[in-house]
Amino acid sequence: MFATLNIYIMIKPEVFDLELQELALFAKVISHPARLAILKYLAETKTCISGDISVKLPLSRTTVSQHLKELRDMGLINGEINGLKINYCLCSSSINEYLDKFDQFFSEIKSSKISCETHC
């Protein structure tokens, strides 16, 4: 999962630790509504999808392919070639790992004793 990190995030890696870089990449990948729609669709079907996902989304096949690549590169989905089709599945263990890291990051922020609620 860490191999693609520096390709996507053009920041000073010596300034930010690997965990923050990884969380930023995860946030970037899931920040697009098309990618969220793909994840949601795969979750709702509760099975691997064989064939063209673009039939189910209001996007071109090329656009869907680009988003699938981003999700695959992040390890959130798997895409295995089966003849002329590709079987797409959620990678639940990877998704859960990122969500746990995200939850841990924000739990530290939520537990901060300093609050500026009157200014928000």
Protein backbone atom coordinates (compact mmCIF):
# COMPACT_ATOMS: atom_id res chain seq x y z
CA MET A 1 0.00 0.00 0.00
CA PHE A 2 2.82 2.40 0.76
CA ALA A 3 4.49 1.93 -2.64
CA THR A 4 2.14 4.29 -4.47
CA LEU A 5 2.18 6.94 -1.76
CA ASN A 6 4.89 9.24 -3.09
CA ILE A 7 3.56 9.02 -6.64
CA TYR A 8 0.27 10.67 -5.71
CA ILE A 9 1.15 13.09 -2.95
CA MET A 10 3.53 15.77 -4.03
CA ILE A 11 4.49 17.02 -0.61
CA LYS A 12 7.72 17.16 1.31
CA PRO A 13 7.92 13.60 2.67
CA GLU A 14 10.68 14.62 5.07
CA VAL A 15 8.29 17.04 6.77
CA PHE A 16 5.25 14.78 7.22
CA ASP A 17 5.41 11.29 8.64
CA LEU A 18 4.32 8.31 6.58
CA GLU A 19 1.07 7.86 8.51
CA LEU A 20 -0.10 11.40 7.70
CA GLN A 21 0.90 10.96 4.07
CA GLU A 22 -1.04 7.71 3.89
CA LEU A 23 -4.15 9.26 5.44
CA ALA A 24 -3.92 12.18 3.00
CA LEU A 25 -3.70 9.79 0.05
CA PHE A 26 -6.68 7.77 1.30
CA ALA A 27 -8.67 10.99 1.71
CA LYS A 28 -7.70 12.09 -1.79
CA VAL A 29 -8.74 8.80 -3.36
CA ILE A 30 -12.14 8.69 -1.64
CA SER A 31 -12.78 12.41 -2.17
CA HIS A 32 -14.32 11.95 -5.62
CA PRO A 33 -18.06 11.19 -5.77
CA ALA A 34 -17.57 8.74 -8.66
CA ARG A 35 -15.17 6.65 -6.57
CA LEU A 36 -17.57 6.73 -3.66
CA ALA A 37 -20.36 5.62 -6.03
CA ILE A 38 -18.22 2.71 -7.24
CA LEU A 39 -17.46 1.62 -3.67
CA LYS A 40 -21.13 1.94 -2.74
CA TYR A 41 -22.23 -0.04 -5.79
CA LEU A 42 -19.78 -2.85 -5.05
CA ALA A 43 -20.92 -2.93 -1.42
CA GLU A 44 -24.60 -3.00 -2.36
CA THR A 45 -24.18 -5.88 -4.79
CA LYS A 46 -22.52 -7.97 -2.04
CA THR A 47 -20.61 -9.92 -4.68
CA CYS A 48 -17.83 -9.50 -7.18
CA ILE A 49 -18.92 -7.71 -10.32
CA SER A 50 -17.93 -9.17 -13.64
CA GLY A 51 -18.08 -6.90 -16.61
CA ASP A 52 -18.63 -3.23 -17.19
CA ILE A 53 -19.44 -1.17 -14.10
CA SER A 54 -19.99 1.92 -16.28
CA VAL A 55 -23.39 0.45 -17.26
CA LYS A 56 -24.53 1.16 -13.68
CA LEU A 57 -23.00 4.63 -13.34
CA PRO A 58 -23.76 7.84 -15.28
CA LEU A 59 -20.17 8.05 -16.53
CA SER A 60 -18.28 6.99 -19.62
CA ARG A 61 -16.43 3.68 -19.64
CA THR A 62 -13.09 5.53 -19.84
CA THR A 63 -13.91 7.69 -16.82
CA VAL A 64 -15.03 4.69 -14.77
CA SER A 65 -11.83 2.85 -15.73
CA GLN A 66 -9.72 5.76 -14.46
CA HIS A 67 -11.58 5.78 -11.15
CA LEU A 68 -11.31 1.99 -10.83
CA LYS A 69 -7.56 2.32 -11.31
CA GLU A 70 -7.31 4.85 -8.47
CA LEU A 71 -9.29 2.55 -6.17
CA ARG A 72 -7.18 -0.48 -7.18
CA ASP A 73 -3.91 1.40 -6.70
CA MET A 74 -5.02 2.35 -3.20
CA GLY A 75 -5.91 -1.28 -2.47
CA LEU A 76 -9.59 -0.56 -1.84
CA ILE A 77 -10.77 -2.89 -4.60
CA ASN A 78 -9.37 -5.88 -6.45
CA GLY A 79 -9.75 -6.37 -10.17
CA GLU A 80 -8.94 -9.80 -11.53
CA ILE A 81 -9.04 -10.62 -15.23
CA ASN A 82 -11.36 -13.49 -16.06
CA GLY A 83 -11.31 -14.07 -19.79
CA LEU A 84 -12.48 -10.90 -21.50
CA LYS A 85 -13.99 -9.45 -18.32
CA ILE A 86 -12.61 -8.15 -15.06
CA ASN A 87 -14.09 -9.22 -11.72
CA TYR A 88 -14.18 -6.30 -9.28
CA CYS A 89 -14.47 -6.86 -5.54
CA LEU A 90 -14.12 -4.72 -2.44
CA CYS A 91 -10.99 -5.33 -0.42
CA SER A 92 -12.65 -5.18 3.00
CA SER A 93 -9.48 -5.72 5.00
CA SER A 94 -7.77 -2.77 3.35
CA ILE A 95 -10.85 -0.56 3.67
CA ASN A 96 -11.18 -1.42 7.36
CA GLU A 97 -7.49 -0.73 7.94
CA TYR A 98 -7.78 2.77 6.45
CA LEU A 99 -11.01 3.49 8.30
CA ASP A 100 -9.42 2.42 11.59
CA LYS A 101 -6.47 4.74 10.98
CA PHE A 102 -8.84 7.57 10.05
CA ASP A 103 -10.93 6.95 13.17
CA GLN A 104 -7.83 6.93 15.36
CA PHE A 105 -6.58 10.17 13.82
CA PHE A 106 -9.89 11.96 14.37
CA SER A 107 -10.44 10.51 17.84
CA GLU A 108 -7.26 12.28 18.93
CA ILE A 109 -8.58 15.53 17.47
CA LYS A 110 -12.04 15.08 18.98
CA SER A 111 -10.55 14.48 22.43
CA SER A 112 -8.63 17.76 22.39
CA LYS A 113 -9.44 19.90 25.42
CA ILE A 114 -9.24 23.15 23.46
CA SER A 115 -12.39 24.25 21.72
CA CYS A 116 -13.36 27.33 19.76
CA GLU A 117 -17.05 26.46 19.51
CA THR A 118 -18.12 30.07 19.97
CA HIS A 119 -16.28 31.00 16.75
CA CYS A 120 -17.49 28.10 14.54
